[in-house]
PDB file of N, CA and C in Angstrom:
ATOM      1  N   UNK A   1       0.854  -1.171   0.000  1.00  0.00           N
ATOM      2  CA  UNK A   1       0.000   0.000   0.000  1.00  0.00           C
ATOM      3  C   UNK A   1       0.901   1.236   0.000  1.00  0.00           C
ATOM      4  N   UNK A   2       0.617   2.172  -0.901  1.00  0.00           N
ATOM      5  CA  UNK A   2       1.436   3.382  -0.992  1.00  0.00           C
ATOM      6  C   UNK A   2       1.109   4.320   0.167  1.00  0.00           C
ATOM      7  N   UNK A   3       1.897   5.359   0.290  1.00  0.00           N
ATOM      8  CA  UNK A   3       1.691   6.325   1.373  1.00  0.00           C
ATOM      9  C   UNK A   3       0.327   6.984   1.265  1.00  0.00           C
ATOM     10  N   UNK A   4      -0.054   7.371   0.030  1.00  0.00           N
ATOM     11  CA  UNK A   4      -1.346   8.007  -0.147  1.00  0.00           C
ATOM     12  C   UNK A   4      -2.476   7.046   0.201  1.00  0.00           C
ATOM     13  N   UNK A   5      -2.346   5.789  -0.225  1.00  0.00           N
ATOM     14  CA  UNK A   5      -3.372   4.803   0.088  1.00  0.00           C
ATOM     15  C   UNK A   5      -3.490   4.617   1.593  1.00  0.00           C
ATOM     16  N   UNK A   6      -2.347   4.573   2.275  1.00  0.00           N
ATOM     17  CA  UNK A   6      -2.367   4.393   3.732  1.00  0.00           C
ATOM     18  C   UNK A   6      -3.044   5.577   4.414  1.00  0.00           C
ATOM     19  N   UNK A   7      -2.755   6.798   3.930  1.00  0.00           N
ATOM     20  CA  UNK A   7      -3.373   7.981   4.524  1.00  0.00           C
ATOM     21  C   UNK A   7      -4.887   7.984   4.316  1.00  0.00           C
ATOM     22  N   UNK A   8      -5.321   7.619   3.116  1.00  0.00           N
ATOM     23  CA  UNK A   8      -6.755   7.565   2.820  1.00  0.00           C
ATOM     24  C   UNK A   8      -7.405   6.463   3.656  1.00  0.00           C
ATOM     25  N   UNK A   9      -6.741   5.311   3.730  1.00  0.00           N
ATOM     26  CA  UNK A   9      -7.257   4.197   4.535  1.00  0.00           C
ATOM     27  C   UNK A   9      -7.415   4.633   5.985  1.00  0.00           C
ATOM     28  N   UNK A  10      -6.395   5.292   6.530  1.00  0.00           N
ATOM     29  CA  UNK A  10      -6.458   5.756   7.924  1.00  0.00           C
ATOM     30  C   UNK A  10      -7.588   6.757   8.127  1.00  0.00           C
ATOM     31  N   UNK A  11      -7.770   7.647   7.154  1.00  0.00           N
ATOM     32  CA  UNK A  11      -8.843   8.649   7.270  1.00  0.00           C
ATOM     33  C   UNK A  11     -10.215   7.975   7.273  1.00  0.00           C
ATOM     34  N   UNK A  12     -10.415   7.011   6.364  1.00  0.00           N
ATOM     35  CA  UNK A  12     -11.700   6.299   6.327  1.00  0.00           C
ATOM     36  C   UNK A  12     -11.902   5.478   7.604  1.00  0.00           C
ATOM     37  N   UNK A  13     -10.835   4.850   8.079  1.00  0.00           N
ATOM     38  CA  UNK A  13     -10.938   4.061   9.311  1.00  0.00           C
ATOM     39  C   UNK A  13     -11.297   4.946  10.489  1.00  0.00           C
ATOM     40  N   UNK A  14     -10.713   6.134  10.533  1.00  0.00           N
ATOM     41  CA  UNK A  14     -11.005   7.071  11.620  1.00  0.00           C
ATOM     42  C   UNK A  14     -12.466   7.506  11.596  1.00  0.00           C
ATOM     43  N   UNK A  15     -13.079   7.505  10.403  1.00  0.00           N
ATOM     44  CA  UNK A  15     -14.491   7.889  10.292  1.00  0.00           C
ATOM     45  C   UNK A  15     -15.421   6.716  10.579  1.00  0.00           C
ATOM     46  N   UNK A  16     -14.839   5.536  10.851  1.00  0.00           N
ATOM     47  CA  UNK A  16     -15.669   4.385  11.187  1.00  0.00           C
ATOM     48  C   UNK A  16     -16.024   3.502  10.019  1.00  0.00           C
ATOM     49  N   UNK A  17     -15.388   3.704   8.867  1.00  0.00           N
ATOM     50  CA  UNK A  17     -15.639   2.868   7.703  1.00  0.00           C
ATOM     51  C   UNK A  17     -14.948   1.518   7.935  1.00  0.00           C
ATOM     52  N   UNK A  18     -15.629   0.400   7.628  1.00  0.00           N
ATOM     53  CA  UNK A  18     -14.990  -0.914   7.804  1.00  0.00           C
ATOM     54  C   UNK A  18     -13.691  -1.011   7.004  1.00  0.00           C
ATOM     55  N   UNK A  19     -12.755  -1.790   7.520  1.00  0.00           N
ATOM     56  CA  UNK A  19     -11.422  -1.887   6.924  1.00  0.00           C
ATOM     57  C   UNK A  19     -11.457  -2.306   5.454  1.00  0.00           C
ATOM     58  N   UNK A  20     -12.301  -3.268   5.119  1.00  0.00           N
ATOM     59  CA  UNK A  20     -12.367  -3.733   3.730  1.00  0.00           C
ATOM     60  C   UNK A  20     -12.804  -2.621   2.797  1.00  0.00           C
ATOM     61  N   UNK A  21     -13.821  -1.875   3.207  1.00  0.00           N
ATOM     62  CA  UNK A  21     -14.318  -0.778   2.372  1.00  0.00           C
ATOM     63  C   UNK A  21     -13.307   0.365   2.319  1.00  0.00           C
ATOM     64  N   UNK A  22     -12.665   0.650   3.437  1.00  0.00           N
ATOM     65  CA  UNK A  22     -11.656   1.713   3.464  1.00  0.00           C
ATOM     66  C   UNK A  22     -10.491   1.361   2.541  1.00  0.00           C
ATOM     67  N   UNK A  23     -10.057   0.086   2.567  1.00  0.00           N
ATOM     68  CA  UNK A  23      -8.965  -0.352   1.714  1.00  0.00           C
ATOM     69  C   UNK A  23      -9.358  -0.274   0.231  1.00  0.00           C
ATOM     70  N   UNK A  24     -10.581  -0.723  -0.080  1.00  0.00           N
ATOM     71  CA  UNK A  24     -11.052  -0.678  -1.470  1.00  0.00           C
ATOM     72  C   UNK A  24     -11.149   0.765  -1.964  1.00  0.00           C
ATOM     73  N   UNK A  25     -11.650   1.660  -1.116  1.00  0.00           N
ATOM     74  CA  UNK A  25     -11.774   3.072  -1.508  1.00  0.00           C
ATOM     75  C   UNK A  25     -10.393   3.694  -1.712  1.00  0.00           C
ATOM     76  N   UNK A  26      -9.448   3.371  -0.833  1.00  0.00           N
ATOM     77  CA  UNK A  26      -8.090   3.911  -0.968  1.00  0.00           C
ATOM     78  C   UNK A  26      -7.449   3.427  -2.262  1.00  0.00           C
ATOM     79  N   UNK A  27      -7.629   2.160  -2.597  1.00  0.00           N
ATOM     80  CA  UNK A  27      -7.072   1.624  -3.838  1.00  0.00           C
ATOM     81  C   UNK A  27      -7.729   2.252  -5.057  1.00  0.00           C
ATOM     82  N   UNK A  28      -9.051   2.457  -4.994  1.00  0.00           N
ATOM     83  CA  UNK A  28      -9.763   3.073  -6.119  1.00  0.00           C
ATOM     84  C   UNK A  28      -9.270   4.501  -6.345  1.00  0.00           C
ATOM     85  N   UNK A  29      -9.079   5.251  -5.272  1.00  0.00           N
ATOM     86  CA  UNK A  29      -8.560   6.624  -5.409  1.00  0.00           C
ATOM     87  C   UNK A  29      -7.136   6.616  -5.967  1.00  0.00           C
ATOM     88  N   UNK A  30      -6.345   5.648  -5.552  1.00  0.00           N
ATOM     89  CA  UNK A  30      -4.977   5.557  -6.040  1.00  0.00           C
ATOM     90  C   UNK A  30      -4.966   5.262  -7.539  1.00  0.00           C
ATOM     91  N   UNK A  31      -5.832   4.329  -7.994  1.00  0.00           N
ATOM     92  CA  UNK A  31      -5.913   4.010  -9.417  1.00  0.00           C
ATOM     93  C   UNK A  31      -6.369   5.227 -10.210  1.00  0.00           C
ATOM     94  N   UNK A  32      -7.341   5.964  -9.670  1.00  0.00           N
ATOM     95  CA  UNK A  32      -7.826   7.178 -10.330  1.00  0.00           C
ATOM     96  C   UNK A  32      -6.691   8.190 -10.462  1.00  0.00           C
ATOM     97  N   UNK A  33      -5.887   8.317  -9.393  1.00  0.00           N
ATOM     98  CA  UNK A  33      -4.758   9.244  -9.405  1.00  0.00           C
ATOM     99  C   UNK A  33      -3.735   8.835 -10.462  1.00  0.00           C
ATOM    100  N   UNK A  34      -3.456   7.525 -10.570  1.00  0.00           N
ATOM    101  CA  UNK A  34      -2.512   7.042 -11.587  1.00  0.00           C
ATOM    102  C   UNK A  34      -3.052   7.303 -12.986  1.00  0.00           C
ATOM    103  N   UNK A  35      -4.354   7.083 -13.178  1.00  0.00           N
ATOM    104  CA  UNK A  35      -4.968   7.329 -14.484  1.00  0.00           C
ATOM    105  C   UNK A  35      -4.854   8.799 -14.850  1.00  0.00           C
ATOM    106  N   UNK A  36      -5.077   9.669 -13.867  1.00  0.00           N
ATOM    107  CA  UNK A  36      -4.951  11.108 -14.105  1.00  0.00           C
ATOM    108  C   UNK A  36      -3.520  11.461 -14.502  1.00  0.00           C
ATOM    109  N   UNK A  37      -2.545  10.863 -13.815  1.00  0.00           N
ATOM    110  CA  UNK A  37      -1.135  11.121 -14.156  1.00  0.00           C
ATOM    111  C   UNK A  37      -0.813  10.630 -15.556  1.00  0.00           C
ATOM    112  N   UNK A  38      -1.319   9.457 -15.911  1.00  0.00           N
ATOM    113  CA  UNK A  38      -1.055   8.910 -17.249  1.00  0.00           C
ATOM    114  C   UNK A  38      -1.678   9.800 -18.314  1.00  0.00           C
ATOM    115  N   UNK A  39      -2.901  10.252 -18.073  1.00  0.00           N
ATOM    116  CA  UNK A  39      -3.558  11.145 -19.031  1.00  0.00           C
ATOM    117  C   UNK A  39      -2.781  12.446 -19.177  1.00  0.00           C
ATOM    118  N   UNK A  40      -2.324  12.978 -18.064  1.00  0.00           N
ATOM    119  CA  UNK A  40      -1.526  14.210 -18.100  1.00  0.00           C
ATOM    120  C   UNK A  40      -0.217  13.982 -18.852  1.00  0.00           C
ATOM    121  N   UNK A  41       0.418  12.829 -18.611  1.00  0.00           N
ATOM    122  CA  UNK A  41       1.677  12.534 -19.297  1.00  0.00           C
ATOM    123  C   UNK A  41       1.459  12.381 -20.793  1.00  0.00           C
ATOM    124  N   UNK A  42       0.347  11.761 -21.200  1.00  0.00           N
ATOM    125  CA  UNK A  42       0.061  11.626 -22.628  1.00  0.00           C
ATOM    126  C   UNK A  42      -0.105  12.997 -23.268  1.00  0.00           C
ATOM    127  N   UNK A  43      -0.777  13.915 -22.565  1.00  0.00           N
ATOM    128  CA  UNK A  43      -0.923  15.280 -23.071  1.00  0.00           C
ATOM    129  C   UNK A  43       0.416  15.979 -23.175  1.00  0.00           C
ATOM    130  N   UNK A  44       1.267  15.760 -22.167  1.00  0.00           N
ATOM    131  CA  UNK A  44       2.602  16.361 -22.186  1.00  0.00           C
ATOM    132  C   UNK A  44       3.439  15.803 -23.331  1.00  0.00           C
ATOM    133  N   UNK A  45       3.322  14.508 -23.579  1.00  0.00           N
ATOM    134  CA  UNK A  45       4.073  13.885 -24.671  1.00  0.00           C
ATOM    135  C   UNK A  45       3.606  14.439 -26.015  1.00  0.00           C
ATOM    136  N   UNK A  46       2.304  14.619 -26.168  1.00  0.00           N
ATOM    137  CA  UNK A  46       1.786  15.194 -27.417  1.00  0.00           C
ATOM    138  C   UNK A  46       2.318  16.611 -27.612  1.00  0.00           C
ATOM    139  N   UNK A  47       2.361  17.379 -26.538  1.00  0.00           N
ATOM    140  CA  UNK A  47       2.895  18.739 -26.616  1.00  0.00           C
ATOM    141  C   UNK A  47       4.378  18.709 -26.986  1.00  0.00           C
ATOM    142  N   UNK A  48       5.124  17.793 -26.385  1.00  0.00           N
ATOM    143  CA  UNK A  48       6.553  17.672 -26.697  1.00  0.00           C
ATOM    144  C   UNK A  48       6.771  17.280 -28.158  1.00  0.00           C
ATOM    145  N   UNK A  49       5.942  16.367 -28.673  1.00  0.00           N
ATOM    146  CA  UNK A  49       6.070  15.980 -30.072  1.00  0.00           C
ATOM    147  C   UNK A  49       5.827  17.177 -30.983  1.00  0.00           C
ATOM    148  N   UNK A  50       4.837  17.974 -30.640  1.00  0.00           N
ATOM    149  CA  UNK A  50       4.546  19.177 -31.424  1.00  0.00           C
ATOM    150  C   UNK A  50       5.721  20.149 -31.368  1.00  0.00           C
ATOM    151  N   UNK A  51       6.282  20.324 -30.167  1.00  0.00           N
ATOM    152  CA  UNK A  51       7.428  21.225 -30.015  1.00  0.00           C
ATOM    153  C   UNK A  51       8.640  20.730 -30.793  1.00  0.00           C
ATOM    154  N   UNK A  52       8.890  19.424 -30.777  1.00  0.00           N
ATOM    155  CA  UNK A  52      10.019  18.857 -31.518  1.00  0.00           C
ATOM    156  C   UNK A  52       9.817  19.061 -33.018  1.00  0.00           C
ATOM    157  N   UNK A  53       8.583  18.876 -33.467  1.00  0.00           N
ATOM    158  CA  UNK A  53       8.291  19.090 -34.884  1.00  0.00           C
ATOM    159  C   UNK A  53       8.562  20.544 -35.276  1.00  0.00           C
ATOM    160  N   UNK A  54       8.150  21.469 -34.419  1.00  0.00           N
ATOM    161  CA  UNK A  54       8.403  22.890 -34.669  1.00  0.00           C
ATOM    162  C   UNK A  54       9.904  23.171 -34.687  1.00  0.00           C
ATOM    163  N   UNK A  55      10.635  22.578 -33.748  1.00  0.00           N
ATOM    164  CA  UNK A  55      12.082  22.775 -33.694  1.00  0.00           C
ATOM    165  C   UNK A  55      12.769  22.235 -34.950  1.00  0.00           C
ATOM    166  N   UNK A  56      12.313  21.071 -35.424  1.00  0.00           N
ATOM    167  CA  UNK A  56      12.898  20.514 -36.648  1.00  0.00           C
ATOM    168  C   UNK A  56      12.683  21.463 -37.825  1.00  0.00           C
ATOM    169  N   UNK A  57      11.504  22.031 -37.901  1.00  0.00           N
ATOM    170  CA  UNK A  57      11.207  22.983 -38.969  1.00  0.00           C
ATOM    171  C   UNK A  57      12.094  24.215 -38.853  1.00  0.00           C
ATOM    172  N   UNK A  58      12.246  24.708 -37.633  1.00  0.00           N
ATOM    173  CA  UNK A  58      13.090  25.888 -37.412  1.00  0.00           C
ATOM    174  C   UNK A  58      14.553  25.602 -37.757  1.00  0.00           C
ATOM    175  N   UNK A  59      15.039  24.415 -37.393  1.00  0.00           N
ATOM    176  CA  UNK A  59      16.428  24.050 -37.690  1.00  0.00           C
ATOM    177  C   UNK A  59      16.636  23.953 -39.196  1.00  0.00           C
ATOM    178  N   UNK A  60      15.662  23.386 -39.898  1.00  0.00           N
ATOM    179  CA  UNK A  60      15.770  23.308 -41.364  1.00  0.00           C
ATOM    180  C   UNK A  60      15.853  24.701 -41.968  1.00  0.00           C
ATOM    181  N   UNK A  61      15.037  25.613 -41.462  1.00  0.00           N
ATOM    182  CA  UNK A  61      15.056  26.991 -41.943  1.00  0.00           C
ATOM    183  C   UNK A  61      16.408  27.646 -41.639  1.00  0.00           C
ATOM    184  N   UNK A  62      16.938  27.387 -40.453  1.00  0.00           N
ATOM    185  CA  UNK A  62      18.239  27.947 -40.097  1.00  0.00           C
ATOM    186  C   UNK A  62      19.353  27.400 -40.985  1.00  0.00           C
ATOM    187  N   UNK A  63      19.268  26.111 -41.331  1.00  0.00           N
ATOM    188  CA  UNK A  63      20.280  25.524 -42.216  1.00  0.00           C
ATOM    189  C   UNK A  63      20.284  26.225 -43.567  1.00  0.00           C
ATOM    190  N   UNK A  64      19.115  26.523 -44.092  1.00  0.00           N
ATOM    191  CA  UNK A  64      19.013  27.228 -45.372  1.00  0.00           C
ATOM    192  C   UNK A  64      19.636  28.616 -45.238  1.00  0.00           C
ATOM    193  N   UNK A  65      19.315  29.304 -44.135  1.00  0.00           N
ATOM    194  CA  UNK A  65      19.858  30.651 -43.924  1.00  0.00           C
ATOM    195  C   UNK A  65      21.378  30.622 -43.776  1.00  0.00           C
ATOM    196  N   UNK A  66      21.903  29.647 -43.051  1.00  0.00           N
ATOM    197  CA  UNK A  66      23.356  29.546 -42.858  1.00  0.00           C
ATOM    198  C   UNK A  66      24.051  29.260 -44.190  1.00  0.00           C
ATOM    199  N   UNK A  67      23.481  28.375 -44.994  1.00  0.00           N
ATOM    200  CA  UNK A  67      24.082  28.088 -46.306  1.00  0.00           C
ATOM    201  C   UNK A  67      24.088  29.327 -47.192  1.00  0.00           C
ATOM    202  N   UNK A  68      23.021  30.125 -47.112  1.00  0.00           N
ATOM    203  CA  UNK A  68      22.973  31.370 -47.866  1.00  0.00           C
ATOM    204  C   UNK A  68      24.063  32.337 -47.392  1.00  0.00           C
ATOM    205  N   UNK A  69      24.241  32.422 -46.080  1.00  0.00           N
ATOM    206  CA  UNK A  69      25.293  33.293 -45.538  1.00  0.00           C
ATOM    207  C   UNK A  69      26.688  32.811 -45.938  1.00  0.00           C
ATOM    208  N   UNK A  70      26.875  31.494 -45.973  1.00  0.00           N
ATOM    209  CA  UNK A  70      28.178  30.962 -46.395  1.00  0.00           C
ATOM    210  C   UNK A  70      28.478  31.349 -47.840  1.00  0.00           C
ATOM    211  N   UNK A  71      27.475  31.258 -48.699  1.00  0.00           N
ATOM    212  CA  UNK A  71      27.669  31.625 -50.109  1.00  0.00           C
ATOM    213  C   UNK A  71      27.985  33.116 -50.226  1.00  0.00           C
ATOM    214  N   UNK A  72      27.260  33.945 -49.480  1.00  0.00           N
ATOM    215  CA  UNK A  72      27.518  35.387 -49.499  1.00  0.00           C
ATOM    216  C   UNK A  72      28.920  35.690 -48.974  1.00  0.00           C
ATOM    217  N   UNK A  73      29.322  35.001 -47.927  1.00  0.00           N
ATOM    218  CA  UNK A  73      30.639  35.204 -47.342  1.00  0.00           C
ATOM    219  C   UNK A  73      31.738  34.840 -48.342  1.00  0.00           C
ATOM    220  N   UNK A  74      31.551  33.759 -49.062  1.00  0.00           N
ATOM    221  CA  UNK A  74      32.534  33.355 -50.078  1.00  0.00           C
ATOM    222  C   UNK A  74      32.655  34.413 -51.159  1.00  0.00           C
ATOM    223  N   UNK A  75      31.526  34.949 -51.616  1.00  0.00           N
ATOM    224  CA  UNK A  75      31.539  35.998 -52.629  1.00  0.00           C
ATOM    225  C   UNK A  75      32.275  37.241 -52.114  1.00  0.00           C
ATOM    226  N   UNK A  76      32.012  37.621 -50.878  1.00  0.00           N
ATOM    227  CA  UNK A  76      32.679  38.796 -50.295  1.00  0.00           C
ATOM    228  C   UNK A  76      34.190  38.567 -50.190  1.00  0.00           C
ATOM    229  N   UNK A  77      34.599  37.359 -49.831  1.00  0.00           N
ATOM    230  CA  UNK A  77      36.035  37.056 -49.761  1.00  0.00           C
ATOM    231  C   UNK A  77      36.693  37.223 -51.132  1.00  0.00           C
ATOM    232  N   UNK A  78      36.052  36.713 -52.173  1.00  0.00           N
ATOM    233  CA  UNK A  78      36.615  36.855 -53.524  1.00  0.00           C
ATOM    234  C   UNK A  78      36.666  38.324 -53.942  1.00  0.00           C
ATOM    235  N   UNK A  79      35.613  39.067 -53.653  1.00  0.00           N
ATOM    236  CA  UNK A  79      35.586  40.488 -54.010  1.00  0.00           C
ATOM    237  C   UNK A  79      36.686  41.238 -53.271  1.00  0.00           C
ATOM    238  N   UNK A  80      36.869  40.949 -51.996  1.00  0.00           N
ATOM    239  CA  UNK A  80      37.912  41.602 -51.206  1.00  0.00           C
ATOM    240  C   UNK A  80      39.293  41.230 -51.740  1.00  0.00           C
ATOM    241  N   UNK A  81      39.463  39.992 -52.177  1.00  0.00           N
ATOM    242  CA  UNK A  81      40.734  39.579 -52.764  1.00  0.00           C
ATOM    243  C   UNK A  81      41.043  40.348 -54.033  1.00  0.00           C
ATOM    244  N   UNK A  82      40.050  40.511 -54.919  1.00  0.00           N
ATOM    245  CA  UNK A  82      40.262  41.271 -56.148  1.00  0.00           C
ATOM    246  C   UNK A  82      40.556  42.743 -55.852  1.00  0.00           C
ATOM    247  N   UNK A  83      39.827  43.322 -54.905  1.00  0.00           N
ATOM    248  CA  UNK A  83      40.076  44.729 -54.546  1.00  0.00           C
ATOM    249  C   UNK A  83      41.473  44.869 -53.958  1.00  0.00           C
ATOM    250  N   UNK A  84      41.856  43.926 -53.089  1.00  0.00           N
ATOM    251  CA  UNK A  84      43.202  43.962 -52.496  1.00  0.00           C
ATOM    252  C   UNK A  84      44.279  43.835 -53.559  1.00  0.00           C
ATOM    253  N   UNK A  85      44.075  42.950 -54.516  1.00  0.00           N
ATOM    254  CA  UNK A  85      45.049  42.779 -55.602  1.00  0.00           C
ATOM    255  C   UNK A  85      45.123  44.044 -56.452  1.00  0.00           C
ATOM    256  N   UNK A  86      43.968  44.664 -56.716  1.00  0.00           N
ATOM    257  CA  UNK A  86      43.953  45.904 -57.502  1.00  0.00           C
ATOM    258  C   UNK A  86      44.675  47.025 -56.788  1.00  0.00           C
ATOM    259  N   UNK A  87      44.426  47.196 -55.513  1.00  0.00           N
ATOM    260  CA  UNK A  87      45.101  48.247 -54.732  1.00  0.00           C
ATOM    261  C   UNK A  87      46.598  47.967 -54.673  1.00  0.00           C
ATOM    262  N   UNK A  88      46.949  46.711 -54.456  1.00  0.00           N
ATOM    263  CA  UNK A  88      48.375  46.358 -54.414  1.00  0.00           C
ATOM    264  C   UNK A  88      49.064  46.670 -55.726  1.00  0.00           C
ATOM    265  N   UNK A  89      48.416  46.357 -56.851  1.00  0.00           N
ATOM    266  CA  UNK A  89      49.025  46.650 -58.156  1.00  0.00           C
ATOM    267  C   UNK A  89      49.163  48.145 -58.360  1.00  0.00           C
ATOM    268  N   UNK A  90      48.191  48.950 -57.914  1.00  0.00           N
ATOM    269  CA  UNK A  90      48.301  50.415 -58.031  1.00  0.00           C
ATOM    270  C   UNK A  90      49.433  50.963 -57.169  1.00  0.00           C
ATOM    271  N   UNK A  91      49.589  50.430 -55.944  1.00  0.00           N
ATOM    272  CA  UNK A  91      50.678  50.885 -55.065  1.00  0.00           C
ATOM    273  C   UNK A  91      52.026  50.512 -55.673  1.00  0.00           C
ATOM    274  N   UNK A  92      52.115  49.318 -56.188  1.00  0.00           N
ATOM    275  CA  UNK A  92      53.391  48.893 -56.801  1.00  0.00           C
ATOM    276  C   UNK A  92      53.700  49.749 -58.021  1.00  0.00           C
ATOM    277  N   UNK A  93      52.686  50.038 -58.828  1.00  0.00           N
ATOM    278  CA  UNK A  93      52.896  50.853 -60.033  1.00  0.00           C
ATOM    279  C   UNK A  93      53.302  52.274 -59.651  1.00  0.00           C
ATOM    280  N   UNK A  94      52.670  52.836 -58.603  1.00  0.00           N
ATOM    281  CA  UNK A  94      52.931  54.229 -58.215  1.00  0.00           C
ATOM    282  C   UNK A  94      54.334  54.380 -57.620  1.00  0.00           C
ATOM    283  N   UNK A  95      54.748  53.399 -56.818  1.00  0.00           N
ATOM    284  CA  UNK A  95      56.039  53.533 -56.151  1.00  0.00           C
ATOM    285  C   UNK A  95      57.113  52.626 -56.742  1.00  0.00           C
ATOM    286  N   UNK A  96      56.806  51.971 -57.811  1.00  0.00           N
ATOM    287  CA  UNK A  96      57.745  51.008 -58.394  1.00  0.00           C
ATOM    288  C   UNK A  96      58.791  51.633 -59.305  1.00  0.00           C
ATOM    289  N   UNK A  97      58.655  52.864 -59.649  1.00  0.00           N
ATOM    290  CA  UNK A  97      59.613  53.462 -60.585  1.00  0.00           C
ATOM    291  C   UNK A  97      60.921  53.675 -59.952  1.00  0.00           C
TER     292      UNK A  97
END
């Protein structure tokens, strides 16, 4: 008998309920409590599944955004390289004489 069942049993016994009926009532309340917990857990699991699905969608969107940023970054690196080479050639030409 769990702690809650024992407390309920003691309360019913204190009110003069026969032991058999008090024990049956305590067990019935305990089963009801477990059913309530299971129902609550099923609801929580459904919510978690929904949240995970949303997170997967968000991660997919982030992957697309990161790949776009990588492509932009590569283009900027090439542009900076060409500008650097152009400036270097102008400096060499100006002071190379």
